[in-house]
Amino acid sequence: MKKINKKGFTLVEVLVSIAIFLIFSMAIYGGVTFVFKIVYSSRMQILETALISEQLEIIRNIPFDDVGIVEGVPEGVIPHSQVITRNNVDFTIITTVRNIDDPFDGTVGGIPNDTSPADYKLVEVSAICINCVQRIPVILNTIIAPKGLEGASDNGHIFINVFNAQGLPVSQANVHVVNSATDPDTVIDDVTGNDGWLKIIDTSTGTLSYHITVSKNGYSSDYTIEPSAENTNPTKLPSNVVTQMVTEIYFSIDELAHLNINTINESCSGISNVTFNMTGEKVIGTEPILYKLDEDKTTNGSGVYEYTNLEWDNYYFSATSSGYMLAGSIPQLSAVIEPGQTQAVYLILKPIVTNSLLVNVRDSGTGLPLSDVEVNLYKVGYNETKTTDLGYIRQTDWSGGLGQADFVNEDEYYSDNGSVDINSPVGDIKLKKVGSSYLSSAVLESSTFDLGSGVDFKNIIWEPLSQDADVGEDSILFQMASSNSSTLVSWDFYGPDGAVDTYYTPTTTLIWSGHDDDRYFRYKLFLHTDDAKKTPQLSEVAFTYTNDCTPPGQVFFSGFSAGTYTLDVGKTGYILNTGELDLADNLDTIVNLSVDE
């Protein structure tokens, strides 16, 4: 009898087949979904374009004098914002009307001076679906011109300029203007142009009646302030508008920062529920001084307070909770918070004693905290000396040349590619000159720096930061390598985000956290120029860091009696800094000293 073999599928084969089927099914489903999204988005844009065209056609048939925003400038019959429904979909329609000063017959304040500058009107209409996944609206505009000649006007003009922390223009900043001199109030909502200006032409006059607020998504805000019982002398009063005159007013906004405030003890353990005061330097009122930010905050159960949406400024801190006083900080206070930066501040607290003195020591030339500085506080019957902890390490001279593996001689380094010049002037680094032209690029690797123990790196800082514009942007770049071994054959260098192909620049100086807890490090320097007749030049590079919870460049004295004390601050190679302090029942006395080489 013939035997028949029957062969089936194993469980593994079935599972693999199902997996392959699912992969193909998901790919097909994703592709179909993507196509539907594109079709839907196109359909919404067609509807929005049709709605805008409809609105523009309506506006073109309105008498010229009525083309304006209700209670706005220019004033008219058009609502600034409205919701229109089409095909059961809601759309937000925003209409902006601006008076335009055409240069054909002169401009306001120009040569010749146009005393009737409202030559025609620019109408801009935007539409966006309210409940759709749409980030950018559709925008169209048109020009509306009068049939007759322009007439003379008793109105004035207000020019609003918005710039960032570096003084550069901020485009598309939202400007909200309320003129309280009219009844009802005139309200203007518009945005700045690419040059950071919003020019409101031919608006009604008013004395201290134009209340202005400037903002942008993800940015800080700036505004005019009306006098009040709390702020009797605001630094930026509401603006005037004078007949046939231009009033200019300036505002500064920039990206918001994020600050993590930690209240800890000397052993790095968090101290919970501590109330502290945080005060900035920016002032919104004088006589008496009123700061833009002056707040009391309380850390959570872990000793942390996260301050989001923080404006760039220099911030000062003090402990206000009963039972604690400030005994140091990481970094040194004040905390300089840059736009868009995420920064941590550690407030080191101690139980309150009758008298205390916190001394911050900085280098007068660089402003950096100084380590290994002897601080001596004394008077008859009291004499105590303390030494500041780690602060920074730097190199200011490369004239000794290459070949040094460990950073022993401070004017030497490990290697270069043969394209650097270290002798014109002596000690600085430039590109080598061949004939009458500089080489286009150079690379230098430093010796190995030994920090004595694992540290938390903070910033890399070099001088000079600004270079000749002809050499090109970021003509000086750095990377950094670190390890807990000093005997590496080769070092792996990284940029500020831990990538091998990114670099530290003058605007990205925060050292990548992946280097933290390492004891040894090297840096790699990259020079380049876009102009063979010019070269970048480096005079100094410094690395700041902290070691555990020891605050950089700071010492703390406590438990002494009230009286007049002498304070000496000295370091090898620096001029002795000395002076007298009257310490009478002070709980927190902070002295900032600078010492010179």
Protein backbone atom coordinates (compact mmCIF):
# COMPACT_ATOMS: atom_id res chain seq x y z
CA MET A 1 0.00 0.00 0.00
CA LYS A 2 1.37 3.40 -1.00
CA LYS A 3 2.05 5.81 1.87
CA ILE A 4 0.88 9.41 1.38
CA ASN A 5 2.88 12.19 3.10
CA LYS A 6 0.86 15.21 4.30
CA LYS A 7 2.92 18.26 5.24
CA GLY A 8 1.46 21.37 7.00
CA PHE A 9 2.77 24.69 8.41
CA THR A 10 4.56 25.09 11.69
CA LEU A 11 3.44 27.69 14.26
CA VAL A 12 6.55 29.80 13.57
CA GLU A 13 5.81 29.85 9.85
CA VAL A 14 2.22 30.91 10.53
CA LEU A 15 3.36 33.75 12.84
CA VAL A 16 5.95 34.97 10.33
CA SER A 17 3.36 34.96 7.58
CA ILE A 18 0.92 36.94 9.72
CA ALA A 19 3.65 39.43 10.61
CA ILE A 20 4.57 39.96 6.95
CA PHE A 21 0.89 40.37 6.08
CA LEU A 22 0.44 42.95 8.87
CA ILE A 23 3.51 44.90 7.72
CA PHE A 24 2.19 45.15 4.17
CA SER A 25 -1.33 45.96 5.42
CA MET A 26 -0.10 48.76 7.69
CA ALA A 27 2.03 50.19 4.88
CA ILE A 28 -0.94 50.22 2.54
CA TYR A 29 -3.19 51.68 5.25
CA GLY A 30 -0.63 54.39 6.04
CA GLY A 31 -0.27 55.29 2.38
CA VAL A 32 -4.03 55.51 1.87
CA THR A 33 -4.40 57.62 5.04
CA PHE A 34 -1.63 59.95 3.89
CA VAL A 35 -3.33 60.43 0.50
CA PHE A 36 -6.66 61.20 2.22
CA LYS A 37 -4.94 63.76 4.45
CA ILE A 38 -3.42 65.48 1.43
CA VAL A 39 -6.76 65.52 -0.36
CA TYR A 40 -8.54 66.85 2.75
CA SER A 41 -5.92 69.54 3.29
CA SER A 42 -6.17 70.62 -0.35
CA ARG A 43 -9.95 70.75 -0.04
CA MET A 44 -9.70 72.98 3.05
CA GLN A 45 -7.27 75.32 1.30
CA ILE A 46 -9.61 75.59 -1.68
CA LEU A 47 -12.49 76.48 0.65
CA GLU A 48 -10.32 79.02 2.50
CA THR A 49 -9.17 80.62 -0.74
CA ALA A 50 -12.77 80.89 -1.89
CA LEU A 51 -13.82 82.48 1.41
CA ILE A 52 -10.99 85.02 1.24
CA SER A 53 -11.79 85.87 -2.37
CA GLU A 54 -15.39 86.39 -1.35
CA GLN A 55 -14.38 88.75 1.47
CA LEU A 56 -12.01 90.69 -0.77
CA GLU A 57 -14.74 91.11 -3.40
CA ILE A 58 -17.11 92.47 -0.75
CA ILE A 59 -14.45 94.91 0.45
CA ARG A 60 -13.72 96.12 -3.09
CA ASN A 61 -17.38 97.19 -3.37
CA ILE A 62 -17.35 99.17 -0.11
CA PRO A 63 -16.87 102.96 -0.37
CA PHE A 64 -13.21 103.86 0.16
CA ASP A 65 -13.87 105.80 3.37
CA ASP A 66 -15.60 102.74 4.87
CA VAL A 67 -12.71 100.35 4.13
CA GLY A 68 -11.32 99.91 7.63
CA ILE A 69 -11.70 97.98 10.85
CA VAL A 70 -14.58 98.59 13.23
CA GLU A 71 -13.15 100.87 15.98
CA GLY A 72 -9.71 100.48 14.44
CA VAL A 73 -7.26 102.42 12.28
CA PRO A 74 -8.23 103.14 9.60
CA GLU A 75 -11.76 103.01 10.97
CA GLY A 76 -14.45 101.38 8.86
CA VAL A 77 -17.19 98.77 8.74
CA ILE A 78 -15.14 95.57 8.45
CA PRO A 79 -14.88 93.31 11.54
CA HIS A 80 -11.32 92.37 12.50
CA SER A 81 -12.30 88.78 13.30
CA GLN A 82 -15.27 86.68 12.30
CA VAL A 83 -16.26 83.00 12.03
CA ILE A 84 -17.78 81.78 8.75
CA THR A 85 -19.17 78.27 8.18
CA ARG A 86 -18.90 76.48 4.86
CA ASN A 87 -19.84 72.83 4.24
CA ASN A 88 -20.36 72.44 8.02
CA VAL A 89 -16.76 73.54 8.67
CA ASP A 90 -15.99 76.63 10.75
CA PHE A 91 -13.28 79.04 9.56
CA THR A 92 -11.77 82.00 11.39
CA ILE A 93 -11.41 85.03 9.10
CA ILE A 94 -8.98 87.77 10.20
CA THR A 95 -8.98 91.05 8.28
CA THR A 96 -6.26 93.69 8.59
CA VAL A 97 -6.38 97.09 6.92
CA ARG A 98 -3.37 99.42 6.82
CA ASN A 99 -2.94 102.93 5.49
CA ILE A 100 0.02 102.92 3.09
CA ASP A 101 2.35 105.87 2.63
CA ASP A 102 3.45 105.66 -1.01
CA PRO A 103 6.89 107.21 -1.65
CA PHE A 104 5.72 108.66 -4.99
CA ASP A 105 4.69 111.95 -3.33
CA GLY A 106 7.13 111.77 -0.41
CA THR A 107 6.86 109.99 2.91
CA VAL A 108 5.91 111.15 6.35
CA GLY A 109 8.98 112.65 7.99
CA GLY A 110 10.96 112.23 4.75
CA ILE A 111 12.15 114.54 2.01
CA PRO A 112 9.78 115.73 0.74
CA ASN A 113 7.54 115.40 3.82
CA ASP A 114 4.13 113.99 2.97
CA THR A 115 1.60 115.72 5.23
CA SER A 116 -1.21 113.53 3.86
CA PRO A 117 0.49 110.13 3.87
CA ALA A 118 -2.60 107.88 3.75
CA ASP A 119 -2.28 107.36 -0.02
CA TYR A 120 -4.11 104.04 -0.30
CA LYS A 121 -5.09 101.03 1.82
CA LEU A 122 -3.68 97.52 1.93
CA VAL A 123 -6.28 94.91 2.89
CA GLU A 124 -5.04 91.50 4.08
CA VAL A 125 -7.42 88.62 4.80
CA SER A 126 -6.42 85.30 6.38
CA ALA A 127 -8.49 82.14 6.83
CA ILE A 128 -7.84 79.05 8.90
CA CYS A 129 -9.99 76.04 9.76
CA ILE A 130 -10.84 76.08 13.48
CA ASN A 131 -11.05 72.34 14.15
CA CYS A 132 -8.67 71.07 11.47
CA VAL A 133 -5.04 70.11 11.93
CA GLN A 134 -3.78 73.27 10.24
CA ARG A 135 -1.02 75.49 11.54
CA ILE A 136 -0.55 78.05 8.78
CA PRO A 137 -3.51 80.08 7.49
CA VAL A 138 -4.14 80.98 3.87
CA ILE A 139 -3.49 84.71 3.35
CA LEU A 140 -4.38 86.97 0.41
CA ASN A 141 -4.31 90.74 0.06
CA THR A 142 -5.41 93.54 -2.21
CA ILE A 143 -4.91 97.28 -2.61
CA ILE A 144 -7.82 99.70 -2.32
CA ALA A 145 -7.20 103.16 -3.79
CA PRO A 146 -9.40 106.27 -3.55
CA LYS A 147 -11.10 107.61 -6.66
CA GLY A 148 -10.13 111.19 -5.92
CA LEU A 149 -7.11 113.02 -4.56
CA GLU A 150 -6.05 112.55 -0.95
CA GLY A 151 -7.07 115.29 1.45
CA ALA A 152 -5.18 117.02 4.23
CA SER A 153 -5.37 115.34 7.65
CA ASP A 154 -5.07 116.51 11.24
CA ASN A 155 -4.14 113.01 12.33
CA GLY A 156 -0.67 111.77 13.31
CA HIS A 157 1.36 108.61 12.94
CA ILE A 158 2.84 106.09 15.33
CA PHE A 159 5.77 103.86 14.36
CA ILE A 160 6.32 100.80 16.57
CA ASN A 161 9.69 99.01 16.47
CA VAL A 162 10.17 95.54 17.98
CA PHE A 163 13.63 94.00 18.40
CA ASN A 164 15.17 91.08 20.33
CA ALA A 165 17.86 90.83 23.01
CA GLN A 166 20.60 91.28 20.37
CA GLY A 167 18.90 94.33 18.88
CA LEU A 168 17.77 92.44 15.77
CA PRO A 169 14.27 93.01 14.34
CA VAL A 170 11.45 90.68 15.37
CA SER A 171 9.08 90.01 12.49
CA GLN A 172 5.47 88.88 12.85
CA ALA A 173 5.28 90.16 16.43
CA ASN A 174 1.70 90.74 17.54
CA VAL A 175 1.00 94.38 18.31
CA HIS A 176 -2.15 95.27 20.25
CA VAL A 177 -2.92 99.00 20.43
CA VAL A 178 -5.77 100.65 22.33
CA ASN A 179 -6.36 104.41 21.97
CA SER A 180 -8.37 105.44 25.01
CA ALA A 181 -8.82 109.02 23.75
CA THR A 182 -11.67 107.99 21.45
CA ASP A 183 -15.19 106.90 22.39
CA PRO A 184 -15.42 104.00 22.05
CA ASP A 185 -11.75 103.00 22.31
CA THR A 186 -9.92 102.55 19.02
CA VAL A 187 -8.40 99.04 18.87
CA ILE A 188 -5.64 98.03 16.45
CA ASP A 189 -4.33 94.46 16.12
CA ASP A 190 -1.54 93.98 13.62
CA VAL A 191 1.93 92.43 13.20
CA THR A 192 5.39 93.79 12.53
CA GLY A 193 7.07 93.38 9.14
CA ASN A 194 10.38 91.74 8.35
CA ASP A 195 12.16 94.89 9.51
CA GLY A 196 10.50 94.73 12.94
CA TRP A 197 8.39 97.86 12.32
CA LEU A 198 4.65 98.43 12.37
CA LYS A 199 3.80 101.86 10.97
CA ILE A 200 0.29 103.05 11.77
CA ILE A 201 -0.44 105.88 9.35
CA ASP A 202 -3.09 108.57 9.79
CA THR A 203 -4.42 107.76 13.24
CA SER A 204 -6.22 110.13 15.59
CA THR A 205 -4.25 112.25 18.03
CA GLY A 206 -4.04 111.57 21.75
CA THR A 207 -1.91 112.45 24.78
CA LEU A 208 -0.59 109.41 26.66
CA SER A 209 -3.60 107.53 25.30
CA TYR A 210 -2.02 104.83 23.10
CA HIS A 211 -1.69 101.69 25.23
CA ILE A 212 0.51 99.16 23.44
CA THR A 213 1.30 95.51 24.12
CA VAL A 214 3.77 93.54 22.01
CA SER A 215 3.92 89.74 22.09
CA LYS A 216 4.70 86.67 20.03
CA ASN A 217 4.07 82.97 20.57
CA GLY A 218 6.96 81.53 22.60
CA TYR A 219 8.35 85.01 23.32
CA SER A 220 8.26 87.42 26.25
CA SER A 221 6.03 90.48 26.12
CA ASP A 222 6.68 94.21 26.42
CA TYR A 223 4.13 96.94 27.02
CA THR A 224 3.33 100.49 28.00
CA ILE A 225 2.19 101.10 31.58
CA GLU A 226 -0.31 103.62 32.87
CA PRO A 227 0.55 105.25 36.23
CA SER A 228 -1.15 103.65 39.21
CA ALA A 229 -1.01 103.68 42.99
CA GLU A 230 1.47 100.79 42.85
CA ASN A 231 3.57 102.20 40.00
CA THR A 232 3.51 105.99 40.13
CA ASN A 233 6.42 106.50 37.70
CA PRO A 234 6.33 103.87 34.93
CA THR A 235 9.43 103.57 32.74
CA LYS A 236 7.35 103.26 29.55
CA LEU A 237 4.25 105.45 29.56
CA PRO A 238 1.43 105.16 27.00
CA SER A 239 2.36 106.89 23.77
CA ASN A 240 1.34 110.25 22.35
CA VAL A 241 0.20 110.93 18.79
CA VAL A 242 0.53 114.53 17.58
CA THR A 243 -0.99 116.12 14.48
CA GLN A 244 1.13 115.42 11.36
CA MET A 245 4.01 114.18 13.52
CA VAL A 246 5.64 110.75 13.76
CA THR A 247 5.87 109.17 17.21
CA GLU A 248 8.35 106.30 17.49
CA ILE A 249 8.22 103.82 20.36
CA TYR A 250 10.43 100.78 20.92
CA PHE A 251 9.83 97.36 22.46
CA SER A 252 12.12 94.40 23.11
CA ILE A 253 10.99 90.75 23.22
CA ASP A 254 12.75 87.43 22.77
CA GLU A 255 12.35 83.69 23.24
CA LEU A 256 11.25 82.52 26.67
CA ALA A 257 13.66 80.58 28.87
CA HIS A 258 13.22 77.71 31.33
CA LEU A 259 14.75 77.83 34.81
CA ASN A 260 14.96 74.95 37.29
CA ILE A 261 15.56 76.22 40.83
CA ASN A 262 16.81 73.65 43.33
CA THR A 263 17.07 74.21 47.08
CA ILE A 264 19.71 71.84 48.51
CA ASN A 265 22.02 71.39 51.47
CA GLU A 266 25.78 71.01 51.38
CA SER A 267 25.43 67.27 50.73
CA CYS A 268 23.37 67.83 47.58
CA SER A 269 20.16 66.59 49.21
CA GLY A 270 17.02 68.51 48.31
CA ILE A 271 15.38 70.69 50.94
CA SER A 272 11.63 70.67 50.39
CA ASN A 273 9.06 73.45 50.58
CA VAL A 274 11.54 76.33 50.74
CA THR A 275 10.23 79.79 49.91
CA PHE A 276 12.68 81.99 48.06
CA ASN A 277 12.59 85.40 46.43
CA MET A 278 13.52 85.87 42.79
CA THR A 279 14.14 89.37 41.44
CA GLY A 280 15.29 90.48 37.99
CA GLU A 281 17.16 93.60 36.94
CA LYS A 282 14.59 94.93 34.46
CA VAL A 283 12.66 97.86 35.90
CA ILE A 284 9.10 98.93 35.02
CA GLY A 285 8.89 101.79 37.53
CA THR A 286 11.12 104.28 39.34
CA GLU A 287 10.91 106.27 42.57
CA PRO A 288 10.26 103.82 44.07
CA ILE A 289 11.92 101.14 41.91
CA LEU A 290 9.51 98.47 40.72
CA TYR A 291 11.01 95.40 39.05
CA LYS A 292 9.37 93.61 36.16
CA LEU A 293 9.78 90.35 38.07
CA ASP A 294 9.92 90.29 41.87
CA GLU A 295 8.23 87.16 43.20
CA ASP A 296 8.27 84.70 46.06
CA LYS A 297 8.15 81.05 45.01
CA THR A 298 8.21 77.77 46.94
CA THR A 299 9.99 74.57 45.91
CA ASN A 300 8.12 71.27 45.92
CA GLY A 301 8.64 68.18 48.06
CA SER A 302 11.85 67.40 46.17
CA GLY A 303 13.25 70.89 46.58
CA VAL A 304 12.59 71.90 42.97
CA TYR A 305 10.70 74.77 41.39
CA GLU A 306 10.38 74.85 37.60
CA TYR A 307 10.04 78.36 36.24
CA THR A 308 8.75 78.19 32.66
CA ASN A 309 8.07 81.09 30.32
CA LEU A 310 10.80 83.21 31.88
CA GLU A 311 12.05 86.40 30.26
CA TRP A 312 15.78 86.83 29.70
CA ASP A 313 17.39 88.90 32.45
CA ASN A 314 19.87 88.79 35.34
CA TYR A 315 18.12 87.22 38.34
CA TYR A 316 18.94 87.43 42.04
CA PHE A 317 17.78 84.98 44.73
CA SER A 318 17.41 85.02 48.49
CA ALA A 319 15.95 82.52 50.93
CA THR A 320 12.83 83.84 52.65
CA SER A 321 11.75 80.68 54.49
CA SER A 322 12.23 80.84 58.22
CA GLY A 323 15.12 78.70 59.37
CA TYR A 324 17.32 78.96 56.25
CA MET A 325 19.82 81.34 54.72
CA LEU A 326 21.74 81.33 51.46
CA ALA A 327 25.24 79.84 51.86
CA GLY A 328 26.19 79.59 48.17
CA SER A 329 24.87 78.96 44.70
CA ILE A 330 25.64 77.11 41.50
CA PRO A 331 26.30 79.09 39.34
CA GLN A 332 27.40 82.27 41.07
CA LEU A 333 24.61 84.76 41.42
CA SER A 334 23.29 86.69 39.70
CA ALA A 335 22.00 84.06 37.27
CA VAL A 336 22.28 85.34 33.71
CA ILE A 337 19.41 83.78 31.77
CA GLU A 338 19.66 84.03 27.98
CA PRO A 339 16.71 83.86 25.54
CA GLY A 340 15.55 80.30 24.87
CA GLN A 341 17.96 78.86 27.44
CA THR A 342 17.26 76.00 29.84
CA GLN A 343 19.26 76.60 32.99
CA ALA A 344 19.49 75.04 36.47
CA VAL A 345 20.24 77.09 39.58
CA TYR A 346 21.15 75.41 42.86
CA LEU A 347 20.62 77.43 46.04
CA ILE A 348 22.75 75.95 48.82
CA LEU A 349 21.06 76.58 52.16
CA LYS A 350 22.16 76.41 55.79
CA PRO A 351 20.28 76.86 59.05
CA ILE A 352 20.18 80.51 60.08
CA VAL A 353 22.83 81.79 62.47
CA THR A 354 23.17 85.26 63.95
CA ASN A 355 25.74 86.56 61.46
CA SER A 356 26.94 85.25 58.11
CA LEU A 357 29.01 86.35 55.16
CA LEU A 358 28.94 84.88 51.65
CA VAL A 359 31.88 85.97 49.49
CA ASN A 360 31.79 85.59 45.70
CA VAL A 361 35.18 85.92 43.99
CA ARG A 362 35.44 86.67 40.29
CA ASP A 363 38.29 87.42 37.93
CA SER A 364 38.04 91.12 37.05
CA GLY A 365 39.01 90.52 33.43
CA THR A 366 36.77 87.60 32.51
CA GLY A 367 34.05 87.81 35.16
CA LEU A 368 34.50 84.06 35.74
CA PRO A 369 34.53 82.50 39.23
CA LEU A 370 38.01 81.95 40.62
CA SER A 371 39.18 78.77 42.31
CA ASP A 372 42.00 78.36 44.84
CA VAL A 373 41.57 81.89 46.19
CA GLU A 374 42.38 82.42 49.86
CA VAL A 375 39.78 84.56 51.61
CA ASN A 376 40.80 85.77 55.08
CA LEU A 377 38.25 87.37 57.42
CA TYR A 378 39.69 88.77 60.65
CA LYS A 379 39.58 91.27 63.51
CA VAL A 380 40.88 91.21 67.05
CA GLY A 381 39.86 87.86 68.55
CA TYR A 382 38.73 86.34 65.22
CA ASN A 383 40.77 85.09 62.26
CA GLU A 384 39.52 82.56 59.70
CA THR A 385 40.77 81.73 56.20
CA LYS A 386 38.87 79.76 53.57
CA THR A 387 39.69 78.81 49.97
CA THR A 388 37.29 79.01 47.06
CA ASP A 389 36.60 75.77 45.25
CA LEU A 390 36.73 74.90 41.58
CA GLY A 391 35.68 77.55 39.12
CA TYR A 392 37.28 77.42 35.69
CA ILE A 393 40.37 76.38 33.80
CA ARG A 394 41.70 78.26 30.78
CA GLN A 395 44.47 78.51 28.23
CA THR A 396 45.70 81.90 27.05
CA ASP A 397 48.98 81.04 25.31
CA TRP A 398 49.93 78.49 22.65
CA SER A 399 53.37 79.87 21.75
CA GLY A 400 55.20 76.86 23.28
CA GLY A 401 54.05 74.74 20.38
CA LEU A 402 52.79 71.19 19.97
CA GLY A 403 53.84 67.81 21.36
CA GLN A 404 52.58 68.00 24.97
CA ALA A 405 50.20 65.19 25.94
CA ASP A 406 49.32 66.46 29.46
CA PHE A 407 48.62 70.10 30.22
CA VAL A 408 51.75 70.84 32.28
CA ASN A 409 53.23 73.82 30.45
CA GLU A 410 50.40 76.33 29.98
CA ASP A 411 51.69 77.57 26.61
CA GLU A 412 51.79 74.18 24.86
CA TYR A 413 49.28 71.84 23.24
CA TYR A 414 49.10 68.35 21.76
CA SER A 415 48.87 68.63 17.97
CA ASP A 416 47.79 70.65 14.95
CA ASN A 417 47.46 70.10 11.22
CA GLY A 418 50.30 72.46 10.33
CA SER A 419 48.03 75.37 9.38
CA VAL A 420 48.14 77.45 12.59
CA ASP A 421 50.25 80.50 13.44
CA ILE A 422 51.09 80.92 17.16
CA ASN A 423 53.53 83.80 16.96
CA SER A 424 51.81 86.85 15.47
CA PRO A 425 51.18 88.09 18.10
CA VAL A 426 52.98 85.61 20.32
CA GLY A 427 50.54 83.40 22.20
CA ASP A 428 47.46 83.97 20.04
CA ILE A 429 46.26 81.50 17.41
CA LYS A 430 45.64 82.52 13.80
CA LEU A 431 45.61 80.84 10.40
CA LYS A 432 49.05 80.46 8.82
CA LYS A 433 49.88 82.88 6.07
CA VAL A 434 51.48 81.58 2.87
CA GLY A 435 52.70 84.42 0.69
CA SER A 436 50.05 87.11 0.88
CA SER A 437 47.13 84.77 1.63
CA TYR A 438 45.93 82.91 4.71
CA LEU A 439 45.18 79.21 4.57
CA SER A 440 41.46 78.51 4.54
CA SER A 441 41.24 76.28 7.65
CA ALA A 442 43.16 74.79 10.57
CA VAL A 443 42.66 72.29 13.39
CA LEU A 444 44.36 72.18 16.81
CA GLU A 445 44.01 69.58 19.59
CA SER A 446 44.82 70.56 23.17
CA SER A 447 46.79 68.70 25.80
CA THR A 448 44.88 66.69 28.42
CA PHE A 449 43.51 68.79 31.29
CA ASP A 450 43.29 67.11 34.73
CA LEU A 451 40.55 68.56 36.94
CA GLY A 452 41.42 66.40 39.94
CA SER A 453 38.01 64.76 40.18
CA GLY A 454 34.81 64.30 38.24
CA VAL A 455 33.03 67.59 37.58
CA ASP A 456 29.85 68.97 36.07
CA PHE A 457 30.80 71.07 33.06
CA LYS A 458 28.94 74.31 32.43
CA ASN A 459 30.21 76.57 29.64
CA ILE A 460 33.00 77.02 27.15
CA ILE A 461 33.93 80.68 26.70
CA TRP A 462 36.52 82.23 24.42
CA GLU A 463 37.88 85.63 23.49
CA PRO A 464 37.39 87.47 21.31
CA LEU A 465 33.85 86.33 20.46
CA SER A 466 33.45 88.76 17.57
CA GLN A 467 35.61 88.36 14.48
CA ASP A 468 36.04 90.32 11.25
CA ALA A 469 32.84 89.89 9.22
CA ASP A 470 34.82 88.94 6.11
CA VAL A 471 36.06 85.67 7.65
CA GLY A 472 32.48 84.35 7.69
CA GLU A 473 30.11 83.13 10.37
CA ASP A 474 31.37 80.85 13.14
CA SER A 475 34.98 81.16 12.03
CA ILE A 476 36.05 79.76 15.42
CA LEU A 477 34.48 76.46 16.49
CA PHE A 478 35.19 73.99 19.29
CA GLN A 479 34.53 70.36 20.16
CA MET A 480 35.27 68.63 23.43
CA ALA A 481 36.30 65.14 24.56
CA SER A 482 36.34 63.82 28.14
CA SER A 483 37.17 60.65 30.05
CA ASN A 484 38.04 59.26 33.44
CA SER A 485 41.28 57.97 31.97
CA SER A 486 44.20 60.18 30.97
CA THR A 487 45.97 57.48 28.93
CA LEU A 488 43.65 57.28 25.93
CA VAL A 489 45.35 56.73 22.60
CA SER A 490 42.66 58.71 20.80
CA TRP A 491 39.86 60.93 22.06
CA ASP A 492 36.27 61.15 20.80
CA PHE A 493 35.19 64.76 20.30
CA TYR A 494 31.59 65.98 20.43
CA GLY A 495 29.58 69.15 19.99
CA PRO A 496 27.00 70.73 22.35
CA ASP A 497 24.35 68.10 21.57
CA GLY A 498 26.66 65.08 21.83
CA ALA A 499 27.03 64.65 18.07
CA VAL A 500 30.35 64.18 16.30
CA ASP A 501 29.47 66.68 13.57
CA THR A 502 28.29 69.65 15.66
CA TYR A 503 30.34 72.42 17.23
CA TYR A 504 30.34 74.97 20.04
CA THR A 505 29.74 78.47 18.68
CA PRO A 506 29.45 81.89 20.37
CA THR A 507 25.71 81.25 20.76
CA THR A 508 25.93 77.57 21.83
CA THR A 509 28.33 77.47 24.78
CA LEU A 510 26.56 75.11 27.19
CA ILE A 511 28.74 72.01 27.46
CA TRP A 512 27.03 68.70 26.64
CA SER A 513 25.92 66.91 29.81
CA GLY A 514 27.46 63.66 28.55
CA HIS A 515 30.85 64.98 29.72
CA ASP A 516 29.67 65.36 33.32
CA ASP A 517 31.39 63.31 36.03
CA ASP A 518 34.57 62.99 33.95
CA ARG A 519 37.94 64.11 35.32
CA TYR A 520 40.02 64.60 32.16
CA PHE A 521 39.21 66.49 28.98
CA ARG A 522 40.64 67.85 25.76
CA TYR A 523 39.31 70.41 23.32
CA LYS A 524 39.66 70.62 19.57
CA LEU A 525 39.80 74.02 17.87
CA PHE A 526 38.66 74.65 14.29
CA LEU A 527 39.52 77.85 12.41
CA HIS A 528 38.34 78.86 8.96
CA THR A 529 38.03 81.93 6.77
CA ASP A 530 35.97 82.85 3.73
CA ASP A 531 38.45 85.58 2.76
CA ALA A 532 42.09 84.68 2.08
CA LYS A 533 43.09 88.19 3.17
CA LYS A 534 41.55 87.86 6.63
CA THR A 535 41.96 85.40 9.52
CA PRO A 536 40.10 84.70 12.77
CA GLN A 537 42.17 85.10 15.94
CA LEU A 538 41.87 83.35 19.33
CA SER A 539 43.36 84.85 22.50
CA GLU A 540 41.81 82.78 25.29
CA VAL A 541 39.55 79.80 25.93
CA ALA A 542 38.04 78.89 29.32
CA PHE A 543 35.91 76.03 30.65
CA THR A 544 33.65 76.58 33.66
CA TYR A 545 32.48 73.76 35.87
CA THR A 546 31.35 72.80 39.36
CA ASN A 547 32.40 69.92 41.57
CA ASP A 548 29.51 68.18 43.30
CA CYS A 549 27.82 70.78 45.50
CA THR A 550 30.77 73.04 46.13
CA PRO A 551 29.76 76.45 44.75
CA PRO A 552 32.35 77.86 42.34
CA GLY A 553 34.41 80.85 43.50
CA GLN A 554 32.56 81.18 46.81
CA VAL A 555 33.26 80.84 50.53
CA PHE A 556 30.87 81.16 53.47
CA PHE A 557 31.60 82.44 56.98
CA SER A 558 29.15 82.17 59.88
CA GLY A 559 28.93 82.19 63.64
CA PHE A 560 31.04 85.30 64.24
CA SER A 561 30.11 88.27 66.42
CA ALA A 562 29.05 91.65 65.09
CA GLY A 563 31.77 94.18 64.41
CA THR A 564 34.14 95.68 61.83
CA TYR A 565 36.23 93.08 60.01
CA THR A 566 39.04 93.13 57.47
CA LEU A 567 38.63 90.96 54.40
CA ASP A 568 41.70 89.95 52.37
CA VAL A 569 41.30 88.12 49.06
CA GLY A 570 44.45 86.74 47.44
CA LYS A 571 45.69 84.24 44.86
CA THR A 572 49.14 83.50 43.49
CA GLY A 573 49.78 85.76 40.49
CA TYR A 574 47.01 88.21 41.47
CA ILE A 575 47.05 91.52 43.30
CA LEU A 576 45.83 91.29 46.90
CA ASN A 577 42.35 92.74 47.35
CA THR A 578 41.65 94.03 50.85
CA GLY A 579 38.98 96.11 52.59
CA GLU A 580 36.88 96.57 55.71
CA LEU A 581 33.33 95.31 56.27
CA ASP A 582 30.90 96.34 58.97
CA LEU A 583 29.12 93.11 59.91
CA ALA A 584 26.48 94.02 62.42
CA ASP A 585 23.66 91.52 62.92
CA ASN A 586 23.55 90.66 59.20
CA LEU A 587 22.03 87.34 58.28
CA ASP A 588 22.95 87.34 54.60
CA THR A 589 25.74 89.64 53.49
CA ILE A 590 26.92 88.91 49.95
CA VAL A 591 30.16 90.55 48.82
CA ASN A 592 31.20 90.38 45.18
CA LEU A 593 34.94 90.89 44.77
CA SER A 594 37.10 90.99 41.69
CA VAL A 595 40.84 90.43 41.75
CA ASP A 596 43.37 91.35 39.07
CA GLU A 597 46.29 89.38 37.76
